[in-house]
Amino acid sequence: MKKAESKPGDGKAGDERAARLAQALRANLHRRKAQARAMDDGAEDGGRENAGKSAQ
């Protein structure tokens, strides 16, 4: 795997790459948070449903 080397003339290209990377990381974070919320919501509903049935 090659290391990314910054060169004096690559300032603009490096900035664009950093911006794309930051955007991709934010999108990934939002997606993972949404998945975690969906999993939590599903687990809570199932837990309440089972607890109510077993208590009756």
Protein backbone atom coordinates (compact mmCIF):
# COMPACT_ATOMS: atom_id res chain seq x y z
CA MET A 1 0.00 0.00 0.00
CA LYS A 2 1.42 3.38 -0.97
CA LYS A 3 1.58 6.25 1.44
CA ALA A 4 0.01 9.51 0.38
CA GLU A 5 2.79 12.02 0.02
CA SER A 6 2.03 15.71 -0.08
CA LYS A 7 3.92 17.68 -2.67
CA PRO A 8 4.25 21.45 -2.85
CA GLY A 9 2.13 21.66 -6.03
CA ASP A 10 -0.68 19.39 -4.71
CA GLY A 11 -2.30 21.92 -2.37
CA LYS A 12 -5.59 22.24 -4.24
CA ALA A 13 -5.81 18.53 -5.08
CA GLY A 14 -5.05 17.64 -1.47
CA ASP A 15 -7.73 20.03 -0.21
CA GLU A 16 -10.31 18.54 -2.58
CA ARG A 17 -9.39 15.02 -1.50
CA ALA A 18 -9.62 16.01 2.17
CA ALA A 19 -13.05 17.57 1.56
CA ARG A 20 -14.29 14.41 -0.20
CA LEU A 21 -12.95 12.25 2.60
CA ALA A 22 -14.56 14.42 5.27
CA GLN A 23 -17.90 14.27 3.42
CA ALA A 24 -17.68 10.49 3.11
CA LEU A 25 -16.85 10.14 6.80
CA ARG A 26 -19.82 12.32 7.78
CA ALA A 27 -22.14 10.30 5.54
CA ASN A 28 -20.85 7.07 7.07
CA LEU A 29 -21.34 8.43 10.58
CA HIS A 30 -24.93 9.47 9.82
CA ARG A 31 -25.67 6.08 8.28
CA ARG A 32 -24.24 4.20 11.25
CA LYS A 33 -26.16 6.36 13.73
CA ALA A 34 -29.38 5.71 11.81
CA GLN A 35 -28.68 1.98 11.86
CA ALA A 36 -28.00 2.06 15.61
CA ARG A 37 -31.23 3.98 16.26
CA ALA A 38 -33.19 1.50 14.15
CA MET A 39 -31.69 -1.43 16.04
CA ASP A 40 -32.41 0.21 19.41
CA ASP A 41 -36.00 0.95 18.42
CA GLY A 42 -36.53 -2.64 17.30
CA ALA A 43 -35.02 -4.10 20.46
CA GLU A 44 -37.05 -1.82 22.74
CA ASP A 45 -40.33 -2.64 21.03
CA GLY A 46 -39.63 -6.35 21.20
CA GLY A 47 -38.66 -6.14 24.85
CA ARG A 48 -41.80 -4.27 25.84
CA GLU A 49 -43.97 -6.63 23.87
CA ASN A 50 -42.51 -9.75 25.51
CA ALA A 51 -42.51 -8.23 29.01
CA GLY A 52 -46.19 -7.31 28.75
CA LYS A 53 -47.23 -10.78 27.58
CA SER A 54 -45.26 -12.66 30.22
CA ALA A 55 -46.60 -10.43 33.04
CA GLN A 56 -50.24 -11.16 32.18
